[in-house]
Amino acid sequence: MFGVDHEGADPGFSAVGEVAGDRVTVTVTGEVDMATADALVKAATPERVTAATLDLRAVTFFDSAAIHALVRLAEHYPGRLEVFPSDRVRRVLDISGLGGQPWLRND
């Protein structure tokens, strides 16, 4: 298990990754915004993995920088990304037109 340094970011934010085989699973808590979105991407892209699971069920805030981070990860892991959103994240993705993405999972 590993965490990502997010110097200057919200102290309530964390992105903890765990690699099993070729997949990283990242559990994210707190606010994902301009200050923390890069830390999310960094946690989700360790070396030698080809798939990612993001557990965003404990995310309390999600802005356009966070949306951009998800789009970057979907491009980085084509067909090999899955995202488990909180209700708040799902609402933001639905409003932004991304609610129907194949990587978005139900709880």
Protein backbone atom coordinates (compact mmCIF):
# COMPACT_ATOMS: atom_id res chain seq x y z
CA MET A 1 0.00 0.00 0.00
CA PHE A 2 1.26 3.48 -0.74
CA GLY A 3 0.04 7.03 -0.29
CA VAL A 4 0.77 10.02 -2.44
CA ASP A 5 2.29 13.22 -1.09
CA HIS A 6 -0.06 16.10 -1.73
CA GLU A 7 1.85 18.98 -0.18
CA GLY A 8 -0.34 22.01 0.33
CA ALA A 9 -3.52 20.09 -0.38
CA ASP A 10 -6.53 19.67 1.87
CA PRO A 11 -5.41 17.67 4.91
CA GLY A 12 -8.69 15.69 4.68
CA PHE A 13 -7.71 14.39 1.23
CA SER A 14 -6.00 11.07 0.77
CA ALA A 15 -5.30 8.78 -2.18
CA VAL A 16 -4.00 5.39 -1.10
CA GLY A 17 -3.02 2.89 -3.76
CA GLU A 18 -2.51 -0.84 -3.62
CA VAL A 19 -1.09 -2.83 -6.54
CA ALA A 20 -2.17 -6.42 -7.15
CA GLY A 21 -0.79 -7.95 -10.33
CA ASP A 22 -1.23 -5.45 -13.14
CA ARG A 23 -4.02 -3.43 -11.43
CA VAL A 24 -3.79 -0.57 -8.98
CA THR A 25 -6.72 0.13 -6.67
CA VAL A 26 -6.83 3.66 -5.30
CA THR A 27 -9.08 4.61 -2.41
CA VAL A 28 -9.73 8.34 -2.34
CA THR A 29 -11.23 10.35 0.51
CA GLY A 30 -12.05 14.02 0.93
CA GLU A 31 -12.10 16.72 -1.72
CA VAL A 32 -10.77 16.20 -5.23
CA ASP A 33 -10.13 19.61 -6.73
CA MET A 34 -7.44 21.69 -8.38
CA ALA A 35 -5.15 21.19 -5.37
CA THR A 36 -5.53 17.39 -5.21
CA ALA A 37 -6.40 16.13 -8.70
CA ASP A 38 -2.75 15.62 -9.70
CA ALA A 39 -2.18 13.55 -6.54
CA LEU A 40 -5.10 11.35 -7.60
CA VAL A 41 -3.57 10.83 -11.06
CA LYS A 42 -0.15 10.12 -9.55
CA ALA A 43 -1.60 7.52 -7.16
CA ALA A 44 -3.46 5.86 -10.04
CA THR A 45 -0.46 5.61 -12.39
CA PRO A 46 2.35 3.73 -10.66
CA GLU A 47 4.89 1.99 -12.87
CA ARG A 48 4.12 -1.41 -14.40
CA VAL A 49 0.34 -1.40 -14.04
CA THR A 50 -2.06 -1.61 -16.96
CA ALA A 51 -5.42 -1.25 -15.19
CA ALA A 52 -6.90 0.86 -12.42
CA THR A 53 -9.81 0.86 -10.02
CA LEU A 54 -10.76 4.11 -8.30
CA ASP A 55 -12.86 3.95 -5.18
CA LEU A 56 -14.35 7.44 -4.90
CA ARG A 57 -17.15 6.48 -2.51
CA ALA A 58 -15.66 8.64 0.29
CA VAL A 59 -15.15 11.72 -1.92
CA THR A 60 -17.05 14.75 -0.61
CA PHE A 61 -16.26 17.32 -3.33
CA PHE A 62 -15.47 16.86 -7.02
CA ASP A 63 -14.80 19.73 -9.43
CA SER A 64 -13.74 20.27 -13.04
CA ALA A 65 -10.09 19.49 -12.25
CA ALA A 66 -11.24 16.15 -10.83
CA ILE A 67 -13.30 15.47 -13.97
CA HIS A 68 -10.25 16.22 -16.08
CA ALA A 69 -8.21 13.79 -13.95
CA LEU A 70 -10.75 11.02 -14.62
CA VAL A 71 -10.71 11.71 -18.36
CA ARG A 72 -6.89 11.55 -18.32
CA LEU A 73 -7.02 8.22 -16.49
CA ALA A 74 -9.63 6.83 -18.90
CA GLU A 75 -7.26 7.72 -21.77
CA HIS A 76 -4.29 6.21 -19.90
CA TYR A 77 -6.17 2.93 -19.23
CA PRO A 78 -8.40 2.46 -22.30
CA GLY A 79 -10.96 -0.21 -21.44
CA ARG A 80 -9.15 -1.02 -18.17
CA LEU A 81 -10.46 1.65 -15.78
CA GLU A 82 -13.30 1.26 -13.32
CA VAL A 83 -14.62 3.98 -11.06
CA PHE A 84 -16.89 3.53 -8.05
CA PRO A 85 -18.33 7.01 -7.34
CA SER A 86 -19.92 8.54 -4.28
CA ASP A 87 -23.40 9.99 -4.82
CA ARG A 88 -21.83 13.44 -5.07
CA VAL A 89 -19.29 12.32 -7.69
CA ARG A 90 -22.00 10.56 -9.70
CA ARG A 91 -24.13 13.72 -9.69
CA VAL A 92 -21.22 15.83 -10.95
CA LEU A 93 -20.45 13.28 -13.68
CA ASP A 94 -24.12 13.10 -14.69
CA ILE A 95 -24.35 16.91 -14.92
CA SER A 96 -21.12 17.05 -16.95
CA GLY A 97 -22.42 14.47 -19.44
CA LEU A 98 -20.05 11.69 -18.32
CA GLY A 99 -22.61 9.65 -16.37
CA GLY A 100 -22.84 7.04 -19.11
CA GLN A 101 -19.15 6.23 -19.40
CA PRO A 102 -18.33 2.50 -19.55
CA TRP A 103 -15.78 2.86 -16.72
CA LEU A 104 -18.38 4.16 -14.28
CA ARG A 105 -19.68 1.44 -11.94
CA ASN A 106 -22.60 1.14 -9.60
CA ASP A 107 -21.90 0.35 -5.98
